[in-house]
Amino acid sequence: MSTLAILGVLAWAFIQFVLIEAQPKPMIVKVTLDNRCGVVESAFIAVADNGVSVPFDGGVAVLPTYSNARIAVKNSSKFSGFSYETATVPAAPNVTITAECQPAGTAEKSLKLFNEQFKSNVR
């Protein structure tokens, strides 16, 4: 009988601490942009793999998501002539993602397209 009780306690502990704790929990991720592209910050958005996206304000985006999410920085759809996406990182309360426009030539091409799209006709 004591063996059955021990197995019951172990099963309960497994369910409580492994299965229940493994479920994703809602969280807020503060994403800080380390912008090394030479492109305005409004050209970027923070995105979670569940589809939530938020623009940066003052180099920071506050992204509501879940604890199991993956976070990345992408180009904003407002800037169609500019394409950029970082690798994803796991969600955490504070995340810093560096945007580097590399390899050589890519940054220049991106900046040229960006400037052409938003150039002023005023002289």
Protein backbone atom coordinates (compact mmCIF):
# COMPACT_ATOMS: atom_id res chain seq x y z
CA MET A 1 0.00 0.00 0.00
CA SER A 2 2.84 2.41 0.78
CA THR A 3 4.29 1.83 -2.69
CA LEU A 4 0.99 2.89 -4.22
CA ALA A 5 0.94 6.04 -2.05
CA ILE A 6 4.52 6.93 -3.08
CA LEU A 7 3.65 6.44 -6.76
CA GLY A 8 0.59 8.67 -6.30
CA VAL A 9 2.67 11.44 -4.72
CA LEU A 10 5.28 11.18 -7.49
CA ALA A 11 2.57 11.34 -10.17
CA TRP A 12 1.03 14.40 -8.50
CA ALA A 13 4.46 16.11 -8.27
CA PHE A 14 5.19 15.34 -11.93
CA ILE A 15 1.86 16.82 -13.03
CA GLN A 16 2.24 19.92 -10.83
CA PHE A 17 5.87 20.78 -11.50
CA VAL A 18 6.47 19.52 -15.02
CA LEU A 19 3.23 19.59 -16.98
CA ILE A 20 1.53 22.60 -15.40
CA GLU A 21 4.70 24.69 -15.12
CA ALA A 22 5.51 23.96 -18.78
CA GLN A 23 2.42 25.79 -20.03
CA PRO A 24 3.21 29.21 -21.51
CA LYS A 25 2.28 32.19 -19.39
CA PRO A 26 1.35 35.67 -20.61
CA MET A 27 4.20 38.14 -20.24
CA ILE A 28 5.36 41.57 -21.33
CA VAL A 29 8.69 41.72 -23.15
CA LYS A 30 10.59 45.01 -23.20
CA VAL A 31 12.58 44.88 -26.46
CA THR A 32 15.44 47.35 -26.75
CA LEU A 33 16.72 48.08 -30.27
CA ASP A 34 20.49 48.43 -30.72
CA ASN A 35 20.26 50.10 -34.14
CA ARG A 36 23.55 49.85 -36.03
CA CYS A 37 21.96 50.15 -39.48
CA GLY A 38 21.94 53.91 -39.93
CA VAL A 39 18.19 53.69 -40.64
CA VAL A 40 15.56 55.52 -38.59
CA GLU A 41 14.10 53.46 -35.75
CA SER A 42 10.58 53.82 -37.16
CA ALA A 43 11.67 51.50 -39.99
CA PHE A 44 11.71 48.61 -37.48
CA ILE A 45 9.11 46.73 -35.43
CA ALA A 46 9.44 44.09 -32.73
CA VAL A 47 7.52 40.90 -33.51
CA ALA A 48 6.65 37.72 -31.65
CA ASP A 49 6.16 34.40 -33.39
CA ASN A 50 2.46 34.49 -32.48
CA GLY A 51 1.99 37.46 -34.86
CA VAL A 52 1.97 40.33 -32.36
CA SER A 53 4.03 43.31 -33.55
CA VAL A 54 4.82 46.67 -31.94
CA PRO A 55 6.74 49.72 -33.25
CA PHE A 56 9.73 51.10 -31.39
CA ASP A 57 9.44 54.35 -29.44
CA GLY A 58 12.64 55.80 -28.05
CA GLY A 59 14.47 52.59 -28.95
CA VAL A 60 12.06 50.43 -26.92
CA ALA A 61 9.05 48.29 -27.87
CA VAL A 62 6.74 46.79 -25.22
CA LEU A 63 5.49 43.51 -26.63
CA PRO A 64 2.65 41.51 -25.01
CA THR A 65 3.28 37.81 -25.66
CA TYR A 66 3.85 34.46 -23.93
CA SER A 67 6.77 32.95 -22.04
CA ASN A 68 7.46 30.42 -24.81
CA ALA A 69 7.52 33.03 -27.62
CA ARG A 70 10.42 33.85 -29.92
CA ILE A 71 11.11 37.54 -30.55
CA ALA A 72 12.67 39.24 -33.60
CA VAL A 73 13.09 42.67 -35.17
CA LYS A 74 11.76 43.18 -38.69
CA ASN A 75 11.21 46.06 -41.06
CA SER A 76 7.95 47.93 -40.73
CA SER A 77 5.48 47.50 -43.59
CA LYS A 78 5.50 51.32 -43.86
CA PHE A 79 8.93 51.02 -45.49
CA SER A 80 8.36 48.73 -48.47
CA GLY A 81 11.72 49.55 -50.06
CA PHE A 82 13.58 48.31 -47.02
CA SER A 83 13.73 44.65 -45.98
CA TYR A 84 15.24 43.42 -42.73
CA GLU A 85 14.80 40.63 -40.19
CA THR A 86 16.93 39.45 -37.27
CA ALA A 87 17.24 35.95 -35.90
CA THR A 88 14.72 35.14 -33.19
CA VAL A 89 15.55 35.08 -29.49
CA PRO A 90 13.59 33.54 -26.60
CA ALA A 91 11.15 35.81 -24.77
CA ALA A 92 12.42 37.30 -21.51
CA PRO A 93 11.34 40.34 -19.48
CA ASN A 94 14.14 42.43 -21.04
CA VAL A 95 15.60 41.66 -24.46
CA THR A 96 18.11 43.66 -26.50
CA ILE A 97 18.27 42.93 -30.22
CA THR A 98 20.97 44.39 -32.45
CA ALA A 99 20.05 45.45 -35.98
CA GLU A 100 23.14 45.33 -38.19
CA CYS A 101 22.80 45.84 -41.92
CA GLN A 102 25.51 43.47 -43.12
CA PRO A 103 27.19 42.09 -45.22
CA ALA A 104 28.88 45.02 -46.92
CA GLY A 105 26.79 46.46 -49.70
CA THR A 106 23.47 45.49 -48.13
CA ALA A 107 23.38 48.57 -45.91
CA GLU A 108 24.20 50.88 -48.78
CA LYS A 109 21.52 49.28 -50.97
CA SER A 110 18.95 49.47 -48.17
CA LEU A 111 19.77 53.10 -47.44
CA LYS A 112 19.59 53.99 -51.13
CA LEU A 113 16.16 52.35 -51.50
CA PHE A 114 15.00 53.96 -48.27
CA ASN A 115 16.16 57.43 -49.38
CA GLU A 116 14.61 57.02 -52.83
CA GLN A 117 11.27 56.03 -51.32
CA PHE A 118 11.13 59.02 -48.99
CA LYS A 119 13.05 61.69 -50.86
CA SER A 120 11.58 65.13 -50.95
CA ASN A 121 10.62 66.78 -54.21
CA VAL A 122 11.27 70.18 -52.62
CA ARG A 123 14.53 71.81 -53.69
